[in-house]
Amino acid sequence: MLRGSLVNRVLNLESWQLSPKRRWLLMNAQHLVRVTFFLRELQNSQGFMSVLEVVARGFLLNGTLKKVIRLTDFGVQGADSKNIFYLREIEDADKLVEAIKVKKNGKAVIVGGGYIGLELSAVMKINNIDVTMVYPEPWCMPRLFTAGLAAFYEGYYAKKGIKIVKGTVAASFDSDANGEVKAVKLKDGRVLEADIVVVGVGVKPLITLFKGQVEEEKGGIKTDGLFRTSVPDVYAVGDVATFPMKLYNEMRRVEHVDHARKSAEQTVKAIKASEEGKTIDEYDYLPYFYSRAFDLSWQFYGDNVGETVLFGDSDPESPKPKFGSYWIKDKKVVGIFLENGTPDENKAIAKIARLQPFIESLDQLAQEGLSFACKI
């Protein structure tokens, strides 16, 4: 990457060159307040403006164009207290690590039951922090987990000493004379002591800068299979891109690091091929999600729609739990989840999710369990 220009330093941009003819601009919108593609103008919050007639011939909008959903956005009382953390940048993680050291053996409330909630609760507990999770949904990770899958993780976390409060939300926060959070008041009236609060309730694509300039769809910037937007020489990748998912023949927006990496790789290949007068195949992504916490490690491939079949040992008290779930739509396996799989088993479930084999009997699939995937 080519760094160090005045534009880069002031606007927090990175420029890179694929050929002597053209230079591209990788945009992180944190410090931008106005973008005009037609005029090739960028302006930051300090009023600095640059006309990118020479510096850049193209724009690459990446997955950092997201905004963390903060409780202060909703006017939650006390949400600006000290030691309330949101994880988005490496600096956020550094500050949280320091707080854990200062509040040794203290109490933490984790607001949210998704990726951040589950992974941060495990980290806090490993560091001898008393942890309580709070989320409004009936079970954790509701965008992916079934009730059966969630029951294992909630039971496992409870066995580790993590308290879980479901069906309510944080309504306000109390702080001490130093402005540090000391308690979380829940909507149902309960009050939880807290030395540290971590909020993980999601992010949203930050695409307001481009309103009226690029075509949008499903909450993101619409692209084709090469991640080209409706504006020439403007590409979008990662979480902000709504792209054609070939496997399911529909437009989707995916929020995960795996897609962020692979879509960026696809885009660079597409730009380079265009520079050289060549073509490449369109993006053919298989949805993939994963997580690791405590001594647990799960992977999911495919689509979590349709009927579900739970298999394996999902008892939280089991010394070596190993289980999973199939999703079946139109009598085909479209998704599969596996906890504690070996590398070969994880490859097998990825293959199944892409092949989408026909299923005659759900009962038979439940009996075969993981062996069905491994024999395909």
Protein backbone atom coordinates (compact mmCIF):
# COMPACT_ATOMS: atom_id res chain seq x y z
CA MET A 1 0.00 0.00 0.00
CA LEU A 2 1.09 3.55 -0.69
CA ARG A 3 0.89 5.69 2.44
CA GLY A 4 1.89 9.07 3.74
CA SER A 5 0.16 11.56 1.45
CA LEU A 6 -1.52 14.62 2.98
CA VAL A 7 -4.90 13.27 1.93
CA ASN A 8 -4.21 9.98 3.68
CA ARG A 9 -3.08 11.58 6.92
CA VAL A 10 -5.92 14.08 7.18
CA LEU A 11 -8.80 11.97 5.93
CA ASN A 12 -7.67 8.60 7.33
CA LEU A 13 -7.52 6.95 3.93
CA GLU A 14 -5.23 4.45 2.30
CA SER A 15 -4.26 4.53 -1.38
CA TRP A 16 -2.92 1.62 -3.31
CA GLN A 17 -1.83 1.01 -6.86
CA LEU A 18 -2.47 -2.02 -9.05
CA SER A 19 -0.88 -0.62 -12.17
CA PRO A 20 1.05 2.51 -13.20
CA LYS A 21 -2.16 3.87 -14.68
CA ARG A 22 -4.56 3.89 -11.80
CA ARG A 23 -4.57 4.36 -8.07
CA TRP A 24 -7.44 3.35 -5.82
CA LEU A 25 -8.63 4.78 -2.54
CA LEU A 26 -9.65 2.59 0.39
CA MET A 27 -12.16 4.56 2.41
CA ASN A 28 -12.71 4.41 6.18
CA ALA A 29 -15.60 6.79 6.78
CA GLN A 30 -15.02 7.46 10.49
CA HIS A 31 -13.73 10.98 9.87
CA LEU A 32 -15.62 11.83 6.70
CA VAL A 33 -18.67 14.08 6.66
CA ARG A 34 -19.22 14.40 2.90
CA VAL A 35 -18.40 12.30 -0.13
CA THR A 36 -19.22 13.31 -3.69
CA PHE A 37 -18.26 10.63 -6.18
CA PHE A 38 -19.22 12.66 -9.25
CA LEU A 39 -16.89 15.51 -8.28
CA ARG A 40 -14.41 13.12 -6.59
CA GLU A 41 -14.54 15.21 -3.43
CA LEU A 42 -14.03 14.12 0.19
CA GLN A 43 -14.49 16.31 3.24
CA ASN A 44 -13.72 15.52 6.87
CA SER A 45 -15.09 16.88 10.14
CA GLN A 46 -12.37 19.56 10.30
CA GLY A 47 -13.48 20.96 6.97
CA PHE A 48 -10.53 19.65 4.95
CA MET A 49 -11.56 18.93 1.38
CA SER A 50 -9.66 17.18 -1.38
CA VAL A 51 -10.45 16.85 -5.06
CA LEU A 52 -9.16 13.38 -5.92
CA GLU A 53 -8.57 14.01 -9.61
CA VAL A 54 -4.96 12.88 -9.40
CA VAL A 55 -4.79 10.92 -6.17
CA ALA A 56 -7.45 8.36 -7.02
CA ARG A 57 -9.23 6.95 -10.02
CA GLY A 58 -11.45 4.64 -8.02
CA PHE A 59 -13.01 4.13 -4.60
CA LEU A 60 -13.21 0.96 -2.52
CA LEU A 61 -15.80 1.21 0.27
CA ASN A 62 -14.93 -1.35 2.91
CA GLY A 63 -16.62 -3.06 5.85
CA THR A 64 -15.35 -0.48 8.36
CA LEU A 65 -18.22 1.70 7.16
CA LYS A 66 -20.35 0.64 10.11
CA LYS A 67 -21.67 2.39 13.18
CA VAL A 68 -21.84 0.73 16.57
CA ILE A 69 -25.32 0.90 18.07
CA ARG A 70 -24.85 2.77 21.34
CA LEU A 71 -27.32 3.11 24.19
CA THR A 72 -26.66 6.84 24.20
CA ASP A 73 -28.32 6.90 20.76
CA PHE A 74 -31.59 6.06 22.50
CA GLY A 75 -31.19 8.51 25.37
CA VAL A 76 -30.65 5.80 28.00
CA GLN A 77 -29.95 7.56 31.30
CA GLY A 78 -26.37 7.16 32.50
CA ALA A 79 -25.25 5.42 29.31
CA ASP A 80 -22.33 7.86 29.07
CA SER A 81 -20.86 6.71 32.40
CA LYS A 82 -17.23 5.62 32.55
CA ASN A 83 -16.39 1.92 32.15
CA ILE A 84 -19.23 1.27 29.73
CA PHE A 85 -17.55 -0.27 26.71
CA TYR A 86 -18.38 -0.99 23.08
CA LEU A 87 -16.03 -3.18 21.04
CA ARG A 88 -15.35 -1.88 17.55
CA GLU A 89 -11.70 -0.84 17.29
CA ILE A 90 -8.51 -2.29 18.78
CA GLU A 91 -8.37 0.76 21.05
CA ASP A 92 -11.71 -0.30 22.54
CA ALA A 93 -10.29 -3.72 23.39
CA ASP A 94 -7.17 -2.16 24.93
CA LYS A 95 -9.29 0.04 27.20
CA LEU A 96 -11.39 -2.93 28.27
CA VAL A 97 -8.28 -4.96 29.12
CA GLU A 98 -7.06 -2.12 31.33
CA ALA A 99 -10.44 -1.92 33.06
CA ILE A 100 -10.36 -5.66 33.79
CA LYS A 101 -6.97 -5.19 35.45
CA VAL A 102 -8.15 -2.23 37.52
CA LYS A 103 -11.46 -3.85 38.53
CA LYS A 104 -9.88 -7.18 39.44
CA ASN A 105 -12.42 -9.67 40.85
CA GLY A 106 -15.16 -7.14 40.16
CA LYS A 107 -18.61 -7.43 38.61
CA ALA A 108 -19.47 -7.10 34.93
CA VAL A 109 -22.79 -6.84 33.14
CA ILE A 110 -22.79 -7.85 29.48
CA VAL A 111 -25.67 -6.27 27.56
CA GLY A 112 -26.52 -8.44 24.56
CA GLY A 113 -26.64 -12.16 23.85
CA GLY A 114 -24.96 -12.37 20.45
CA TYR A 115 -21.34 -12.86 19.41
CA ILE A 116 -19.99 -10.04 21.60
CA GLY A 117 -22.09 -11.09 24.57
CA LEU A 118 -21.13 -14.75 24.52
CA GLU A 119 -17.45 -14.29 23.74
CA LEU A 120 -16.89 -11.38 26.14
CA SER A 121 -18.73 -13.16 28.96
CA ALA A 122 -16.32 -16.07 28.60
CA VAL A 123 -13.31 -13.74 28.56
CA MET A 124 -14.52 -11.91 31.65
CA LYS A 125 -15.15 -15.13 33.55
CA ILE A 126 -11.73 -16.51 32.64
CA ASN A 127 -10.31 -13.31 34.15
CA ASN A 128 -12.16 -13.92 37.45
CA ILE A 129 -14.86 -11.31 36.87
CA ASP A 130 -18.37 -12.01 38.19
CA VAL A 131 -20.48 -11.93 35.01
CA THR A 132 -24.18 -11.38 34.32
CA MET A 133 -25.54 -11.42 30.78
CA VAL A 134 -28.70 -9.45 29.93
CA TYR A 135 -30.65 -9.72 26.69
CA PRO A 136 -34.30 -9.32 25.66
CA GLU A 137 -34.59 -12.40 23.42
CA PRO A 138 -35.88 -15.79 24.64
CA TRP A 139 -32.44 -17.35 24.03
CA CYS A 140 -28.90 -16.37 23.05
CA MET A 141 -27.73 -15.90 19.45
CA PRO A 142 -31.32 -15.92 18.13
CA ARG A 143 -30.25 -14.95 14.58
CA LEU A 144 -28.51 -18.32 14.27
CA PHE A 145 -29.19 -20.65 17.19
CA THR A 146 -32.31 -22.74 17.55
CA ALA A 147 -33.82 -23.08 21.01
CA GLY A 148 -32.16 -26.50 21.28
CA LEU A 149 -28.68 -25.20 20.43
CA ALA A 150 -29.05 -22.20 22.73
CA ALA A 151 -30.13 -24.41 25.64
CA PHE A 152 -26.70 -26.06 25.62
CA TYR A 153 -24.72 -22.81 25.62
CA GLU A 154 -26.88 -21.18 28.26
CA GLY A 155 -26.56 -24.29 30.43
CA TYR A 156 -22.81 -24.48 29.85
CA TYR A 157 -22.33 -20.81 30.74
CA ALA A 158 -24.45 -21.25 33.86
CA LYS A 159 -22.22 -24.18 34.87
CA LYS A 160 -19.24 -21.83 34.52
CA GLY A 161 -20.89 -19.44 36.96
CA ILE A 162 -22.26 -16.89 34.48
CA LYS A 163 -25.70 -15.57 35.37
CA ILE A 164 -28.15 -15.01 32.52
CA VAL A 165 -31.11 -12.62 32.63
CA LYS A 166 -33.44 -12.93 29.63
CA GLY A 167 -36.52 -11.06 28.49
CA THR A 168 -35.51 -7.58 29.61
CA VAL A 169 -33.14 -4.72 28.74
CA ALA A 170 -30.94 -2.14 30.43
CA ALA A 171 -33.14 0.87 31.20
CA SER A 172 -30.60 3.13 32.94
CA PHE A 173 -27.21 3.20 34.66
CA ASP A 174 -26.09 4.60 38.01
CA SER A 175 -22.60 6.03 38.50
CA ASP A 176 -20.48 7.07 41.46
CA ALA A 177 -18.93 10.46 42.26
CA ASN A 178 -16.13 9.76 39.75
CA GLY A 179 -18.61 9.12 36.98
CA GLU A 180 -17.86 5.38 36.90
CA VAL A 181 -20.75 2.99 36.38
CA LYS A 182 -21.81 1.18 39.55
CA ALA A 183 -25.20 -0.35 38.69
CA VAL A 184 -27.45 -1.34 35.80
CA LYS A 185 -31.19 -0.84 36.23
CA LEU A 186 -33.24 -3.23 34.15
CA LYS A 187 -36.60 -2.53 32.61
CA ASP A 188 -38.22 -5.23 34.77
CA GLY A 189 -37.11 -3.41 37.93
CA ARG A 190 -34.10 -5.47 38.90
CA VAL A 191 -30.80 -3.73 39.70
CA LEU A 192 -27.43 -5.34 38.92
CA GLU A 193 -24.18 -4.17 40.50
CA ALA A 194 -21.52 -3.45 37.88
CA ASP A 195 -17.91 -2.27 37.82
CA ILE A 196 -17.74 -2.86 34.08
CA VAL A 197 -20.45 -2.91 31.42
CA VAL A 198 -19.92 -4.18 27.89
CA VAL A 199 -22.64 -3.42 25.36
CA GLY A 200 -22.89 -5.59 22.26
CA VAL A 201 -26.22 -4.93 20.60
CA GLY A 202 -25.07 -4.71 17.00
CA VAL A 203 -23.86 -2.36 14.31
CA LYS A 204 -25.46 -0.84 11.25
CA PRO A 205 -23.98 0.01 7.85
CA LEU A 206 -22.81 3.60 7.66
CA ILE A 207 -24.02 4.44 4.18
CA THR A 208 -25.65 7.83 4.72
CA LEU A 209 -22.58 9.50 3.18
CA PHE A 210 -23.48 7.91 -0.14
CA LYS A 211 -27.26 8.48 -0.16
CA GLY A 212 -28.51 9.31 -3.61
CA GLN A 213 -25.16 8.50 -5.21
CA VAL A 214 -25.14 4.69 -5.24
CA GLU A 215 -27.97 2.20 -5.52
CA GLU A 216 -28.96 0.57 -2.22
CA GLU A 217 -30.71 -2.67 -1.36
CA LYS A 218 -31.57 -4.47 1.90
CA GLY A 219 -29.82 -1.91 4.05
CA GLY A 220 -26.55 -1.97 2.15
CA ILE A 221 -24.87 -0.74 -1.03
CA LYS A 222 -26.00 -2.86 -3.98
CA THR A 223 -23.22 -4.54 -5.94
CA ASP A 224 -22.77 -7.18 -8.60
CA GLY A 225 -20.78 -10.41 -8.26
CA LEU A 226 -17.54 -8.46 -8.66
CA PHE A 227 -18.59 -5.93 -5.98
CA ARG A 228 -19.02 -3.10 -8.47
CA THR A 229 -21.62 -0.55 -7.39
CA SER A 230 -23.93 1.43 -9.65
CA VAL A 231 -21.22 4.10 -9.93
CA PRO A 232 -18.26 3.39 -12.24
CA ASP A 233 -14.98 2.73 -10.39
CA VAL A 234 -16.73 2.52 -7.01
CA TYR A 235 -16.66 -0.86 -5.29
CA ALA A 236 -18.15 -1.94 -1.94
CA VAL A 237 -17.04 -4.95 0.12
CA GLY A 238 -17.74 -6.57 3.46
CA ASP A 239 -20.70 -5.72 5.69
CA VAL A 240 -21.84 -2.71 3.67
CA ALA A 241 -22.27 -4.64 0.40
CA THR A 242 -25.53 -6.25 -0.67
CA PHE A 243 -24.40 -8.76 -3.30
CA PRO A 244 -25.86 -11.65 -5.33
CA MET A 245 -25.58 -14.88 -3.33
CA LYS A 246 -25.30 -17.36 -6.19
CA LEU A 247 -25.97 -20.40 -4.02
CA TYR A 248 -29.44 -19.13 -3.07
CA ASN A 249 -30.14 -16.93 -6.10
CA GLU A 250 -30.91 -13.82 -4.07
CA MET A 251 -29.36 -10.56 -2.92
CA ARG A 252 -27.91 -10.63 0.59
CA ARG A 253 -25.82 -8.60 3.00
CA VAL A 254 -23.53 -10.63 5.28
CA GLU A 255 -22.02 -9.40 8.55
CA HIS A 256 -18.99 -11.54 9.30
CA VAL A 257 -15.22 -11.35 9.07
CA ASP A 258 -15.00 -14.36 6.72
CA HIS A 259 -17.10 -12.64 4.07
CA ALA A 260 -15.30 -9.34 4.69
CA ARG A 261 -11.96 -10.96 3.89
CA LYS A 262 -13.16 -13.00 0.93
CA SER A 263 -15.16 -10.17 -0.67
CA ALA A 264 -12.11 -7.88 -0.41
CA GLU A 265 -9.97 -10.54 -2.08
CA GLN A 266 -12.57 -10.98 -4.82
CA THR A 267 -12.69 -7.23 -5.43
CA VAL A 268 -8.94 -6.82 -5.71
CA LYS A 269 -8.84 -9.70 -8.19
CA ALA A 270 -11.68 -8.08 -10.17
CA ILE A 271 -9.96 -4.69 -10.27
CA LYS A 272 -6.66 -6.22 -11.31
CA ALA A 273 -8.35 -8.32 -14.01
CA SER A 274 -10.11 -5.22 -15.32
CA GLU A 275 -6.80 -3.37 -15.49
CA GLU A 276 -5.35 -6.24 -17.51
CA GLY A 277 -8.37 -6.65 -19.80
CA LYS A 278 -9.24 -10.03 -18.29
CA THR A 279 -12.33 -11.48 -16.56
CA ILE A 280 -12.85 -13.55 -13.42
CA ASP A 281 -15.73 -15.66 -12.10
CA GLU A 282 -18.37 -13.93 -10.01
CA TYR A 283 -18.35 -14.31 -6.24
CA ASP A 284 -19.78 -17.64 -5.09
CA TYR A 285 -19.90 -17.41 -1.32
CA LEU A 286 -20.92 -20.13 1.13
CA PRO A 287 -22.08 -18.45 4.36
CA TYR A 288 -19.74 -19.38 7.21
CA PHE A 289 -19.85 -18.41 10.86
CA TYR A 290 -17.79 -19.59 13.80
CA SER A 291 -16.95 -18.85 17.40
CA ARG A 292 -14.64 -20.03 20.17
CA ALA A 293 -15.24 -19.55 23.89
CA PHE A 294 -13.92 -21.42 26.92
CA ASP A 295 -13.04 -24.86 25.49
CA LEU A 296 -15.91 -24.73 23.00
CA SER A 297 -15.59 -24.23 19.25
CA TRP A 298 -18.41 -24.30 16.71
CA GLN A 299 -18.79 -23.76 12.99
CA PHE A 300 -21.84 -23.17 10.82
CA TYR A 301 -22.17 -23.32 7.04
CA GLY A 302 -25.09 -22.52 4.78
CA ASP A 303 -28.52 -21.11 5.50
CA ASN A 304 -30.47 -21.40 8.77
CA VAL A 305 -33.96 -21.66 7.29
CA GLY A 306 -36.56 -24.42 7.27
CA GLU A 307 -37.03 -27.37 9.62
CA THR A 308 -34.26 -28.34 12.03
CA VAL A 309 -32.83 -31.64 13.24
CA LEU A 310 -30.72 -31.64 16.42
CA PHE A 311 -28.21 -34.48 16.80
CA GLY A 312 -25.45 -35.64 19.13
CA ASP A 313 -24.68 -35.05 22.81
CA SER A 314 -25.86 -31.56 23.74
CA ASP A 315 -25.96 -32.06 27.51
CA PRO A 316 -24.20 -29.10 29.21
CA GLU A 317 -23.04 -31.50 31.93
CA SER A 318 -21.31 -33.79 29.45
CA PRO A 319 -17.49 -33.91 29.85
CA LYS A 320 -17.05 -33.87 26.05
CA PRO A 321 -20.18 -32.47 24.37
CA LYS A 322 -20.39 -32.93 20.60
CA PHE A 323 -23.54 -32.08 18.74
CA GLY A 324 -25.03 -30.16 15.87
CA SER A 325 -28.07 -29.27 13.85
CA TYR A 326 -29.22 -29.60 10.27
CA TRP A 327 -31.55 -27.14 8.54
CA ILE A 328 -33.77 -28.66 5.87
CA LYS A 329 -35.75 -26.74 3.27
CA ASP A 330 -37.70 -28.33 0.40
CA LYS A 331 -36.30 -31.71 1.53
CA LYS A 332 -32.71 -30.56 1.06
CA VAL A 333 -30.05 -29.86 3.67
CA VAL A 334 -29.32 -26.15 3.37
CA GLY A 335 -27.39 -25.52 6.59
CA ILE A 336 -25.42 -27.38 9.23
CA PHE A 337 -23.98 -26.45 12.63
CA LEU A 338 -21.37 -28.46 14.52
CA GLU A 339 -19.87 -28.03 17.98
CA ASN A 340 -16.43 -29.54 18.68
CA GLY A 341 -15.85 -30.86 15.17
CA THR A 342 -12.51 -32.12 13.90
CA PRO A 343 -10.93 -30.41 10.87
CA ASP A 344 -12.15 -33.23 8.61
CA GLU A 345 -15.67 -33.07 10.08
CA ASN A 346 -15.80 -29.32 9.57
CA LYS A 347 -14.78 -29.79 5.95
CA ALA A 348 -17.54 -32.37 5.59
CA ILE A 349 -20.27 -30.08 6.88
CA ALA A 350 -19.08 -27.28 4.57
CA LYS A 351 -19.34 -29.69 1.64
CA ILE A 352 -22.85 -30.72 2.67
CA ALA A 353 -24.01 -27.10 2.90
CA ARG A 354 -22.85 -26.41 -0.64
CA LEU A 355 -24.10 -29.68 -2.20
CA GLN A 356 -27.52 -29.50 -0.47
CA PRO A 357 -28.29 -33.24 -0.62
CA PHE A 358 -31.86 -34.54 -0.72
CA ILE A 359 -33.35 -35.88 2.54
CA GLU A 360 -36.09 -38.51 2.55
CA SER A 361 -36.68 -38.74 6.31
CA LEU A 362 -35.98 -36.30 9.12
CA ASP A 363 -36.08 -39.15 11.62
CA GLN A 364 -33.43 -41.03 9.70
CA LEU A 365 -31.29 -37.91 9.50
CA ALA A 366 -31.58 -37.50 13.27
CA GLN A 367 -30.47 -41.11 13.77
CA GLU A 368 -27.49 -40.78 11.44
CA GLY A 369 -26.46 -37.41 12.83
CA LEU A 370 -22.95 -36.33 11.89
CA SER A 371 -22.25 -39.58 10.04
CA PHE A 372 -24.63 -38.44 7.28
CA ALA A 373 -22.41 -35.47 6.50
CA CYS A 374 -19.20 -37.49 6.73
CA LYS A 375 -20.32 -40.14 4.24
CA ILE A 376 -21.26 -37.75 1.42
